[in-house]
Protein backbone atom coordinates (compact mmCIF):
# COMPACT_ATOMS: atom_id res chain seq x y z
CA MET A 1 62.33 28.66 -26.22
CA HIS A 2 62.81 28.51 -22.49
CA GLU A 3 65.93 28.30 -20.38
CA ALA A 4 68.50 25.74 -21.48
CA GLY A 5 66.93 25.58 -24.94
CA LEU A 6 63.93 23.47 -23.90
CA MET A 7 60.65 23.99 -25.71
CA ARG A 8 57.53 23.78 -23.64
CA GLY A 9 53.98 23.00 -24.70
CA ALA A 10 52.65 21.20 -27.76
CA LYS A 11 55.25 20.37 -30.39
CA PRO A 12 54.48 21.02 -34.05
CA PHE A 13 53.53 18.01 -36.15
CA THR A 14 55.35 19.01 -39.33
CA ILE A 15 57.18 16.71 -41.66
CA VAL A 16 60.84 17.54 -41.85
CA PRO A 17 62.26 17.22 -45.39
CA GLY A 18 63.99 13.87 -45.81
CA SER A 19 62.12 12.32 -42.89
CA SER A 20 59.55 10.35 -44.85
CA PRO A 21 59.60 6.67 -43.94
CA ILE A 22 61.35 4.30 -46.32
CA LYS A 23 58.77 2.01 -47.90
CA ASP A 24 60.84 -0.53 -49.86
CA ASP A 25 63.30 -3.13 -48.63
CA MET A 26 66.89 -1.94 -48.52
CA ALA A 27 70.05 -3.94 -48.96
CA ALA A 28 72.66 -3.61 -46.24
CA PRO A 29 75.54 -1.24 -46.99
CA GLU A 30 78.46 -2.90 -48.78
CA TRP A 31 80.93 -2.14 -46.01
CA LEU A 32 79.11 -4.23 -43.38
CA ASP A 33 80.58 -7.65 -42.66
CA ASP A 34 78.56 -10.88 -42.68
CA ASP A 35 77.51 -10.63 -39.00
CA ALA A 36 76.39 -7.03 -39.43
CA ARG A 37 74.50 -7.89 -42.63
CA ALA A 38 72.68 -10.68 -40.79
CA GLU A 39 71.61 -8.16 -38.13
CA TRP A 40 70.53 -5.71 -40.86
CA ASP A 41 68.45 -8.46 -42.49
CA LEU A 42 66.78 -9.10 -39.14
CA ILE A 43 66.13 -5.49 -38.03
CA ALA A 44 65.62 -3.47 -41.24
CA PRO A 45 62.37 -5.25 -42.22
CA ILE A 46 60.94 -4.57 -38.75
CA LEU A 47 61.71 -0.86 -38.99
CA ILE A 48 60.63 -0.57 -42.64
CA LYS A 49 57.63 -2.87 -43.02
CA GLU A 50 56.21 -3.34 -39.52
CA ARG A 51 56.82 -0.03 -37.79
CA ARG A 52 57.40 2.22 -40.81
CA THR A 53 59.85 4.30 -38.80
CA LEU A 54 63.10 4.06 -40.79
CA THR A 55 63.91 7.18 -42.80
CA SER A 56 66.89 7.95 -45.03
CA ALA A 57 68.28 10.00 -42.15
CA ASP A 58 68.34 6.84 -39.99
CA ILE A 59 70.32 4.58 -42.34
CA ALA A 60 73.73 5.45 -40.88
CA CYS A 61 72.39 4.87 -37.36
CA LEU A 62 71.01 1.46 -38.35
CA ALA A 63 74.27 0.52 -40.07
CA SER A 64 76.25 1.58 -36.98
CA TYR A 65 73.92 -0.46 -34.77
CA CYS A 66 74.45 -3.50 -36.99
CA ALA A 67 78.24 -3.01 -36.95
CA ALA A 68 78.19 -2.76 -33.15
CA MET A 69 76.13 -5.94 -32.88
CA ALA A 70 78.59 -7.69 -35.20
CA GLN A 71 81.43 -6.68 -32.86
CA VAL A 72 79.46 -8.11 -29.94
CA MET A 73 79.02 -11.40 -31.83
CA GLN A 74 82.65 -11.58 -32.93
CA ALA A 75 84.01 -10.78 -29.46
CA SER A 76 81.63 -13.33 -27.92
CA ARG A 77 82.94 -16.03 -30.27
CA THR A 78 86.53 -15.11 -29.36
CA ILE A 79 85.72 -15.27 -25.65
CA ALA A 80 83.98 -18.62 -26.10
CA ALA A 81 87.02 -20.02 -27.90
CA GLU A 82 89.80 -18.46 -25.82
CA GLY A 83 88.20 -17.69 -22.45
CA MET A 84 87.64 -14.45 -20.58
CA THR A 85 91.19 -14.40 -19.24
CA PHE A 86 94.64 -15.28 -20.50
CA MET A 87 97.91 -15.90 -18.74
CA SER A 88 100.43 -13.09 -19.10
CA LYS A 89 103.94 -12.96 -17.63
CA ASN A 90 102.38 -11.13 -14.66
CA GLY A 91 99.58 -13.63 -14.13
CA PRO A 92 95.99 -13.90 -15.36
CA ARG A 93 94.63 -10.92 -17.29
CA LYS A 94 91.28 -10.02 -18.78
CA HIS A 95 91.08 -10.96 -22.46
CA PRO A 96 90.91 -7.84 -24.68
CA ALA A 97 87.76 -9.25 -26.32
CA VAL A 98 85.92 -8.78 -23.00
CA SER A 99 86.41 -4.99 -23.17
CA ILE A 100 85.68 -4.91 -26.89
CA ARG A 101 82.41 -6.77 -26.31
CA SER A 102 81.44 -4.51 -23.42
CA ASP A 103 82.10 -1.34 -25.44
CA ALA A 104 80.22 -2.74 -28.45
CA MET A 105 77.26 -3.71 -26.23
CA THR A 106 77.11 -0.16 -24.88
CA GLN A 107 77.17 1.31 -28.39
CA ALA A 108 74.57 -1.17 -29.62
CA ARG A 109 72.27 -0.38 -26.69
CA LEU A 110 72.51 3.37 -27.27
CA LEU A 111 71.90 3.02 -31.01
CA ALA A 112 69.05 0.56 -30.42
CA ALA A 113 67.36 3.16 -28.23
CA GLU A 114 67.76 5.78 -30.97
CA LEU A 115 66.09 3.42 -33.44
CA GLY A 116 63.24 2.50 -31.06
CA LEU A 117 64.45 -1.06 -30.61
CA THR A 118 64.32 -1.17 -26.82
CA PRO A 119 61.17 -1.59 -24.70
CA VAL A 120 61.70 1.81 -23.05
CA SER A 121 62.26 3.67 -26.32
CA ARG A 122 59.18 2.02 -27.85
CA SER A 123 57.03 3.03 -24.89
CA ARG A 124 58.29 6.63 -25.13
CA SER A 125 57.45 6.87 -28.81
CA ARG A 126 53.93 5.55 -28.16
CA ALA A 127 53.42 8.05 -25.37
CA GLN A 128 54.66 10.95 -27.49
CA SER A 129 52.47 10.03 -30.44
CA SER A 130 49.34 9.87 -28.28
CA PRO A 131 46.84 12.42 -29.62
CA ASN A 132 45.72 13.51 -26.15
CA ASP A 133 49.26 13.73 -24.70
CA GLY A 134 48.49 11.00 -22.17
CA GLN A 135 45.68 12.97 -20.56
CA ARG A 136 42.40 11.20 -20.00
CA ASN A 137 39.25 12.85 -21.19
CA MET A 138 37.19 13.74 -18.12
CA PHE A 139 34.01 12.68 -19.95
CA ASP A 140 35.41 9.12 -20.27
CA LEU A 141 35.77 8.66 -16.52
CA ASP A 142 33.38 6.44 -14.61
CA PHE A 143 32.09 8.06 -11.43
């Protein structure tokens, strides 16, 4: 290990125990509400069947992502019904749902990146899994 705990050079391609991809559909955790379950039903099949990237170690992260997205949806509905501001005794104030939605969006974005659900995180995982580490073979170049 180098300074600040960073490893340099090629990383080992070993399978960490418990990191095998989940192969079968999974039901959403019981504690998720209806909005979060709907998000789970949308995202889990993508991670399990299409990308084969969800492991048992990732279930809590996916559930947290779904809960954060549910908060975004719920706060958005509240804002749509009640507006972004309300009248207090001191004048107009920002509705609390605006801050709740903003915080939930931040959490959802961070968790989405951890799960490879953002364009940037997907491009990073493709680059890291490249067998030649992004280097072009000099024999493939056209001169």
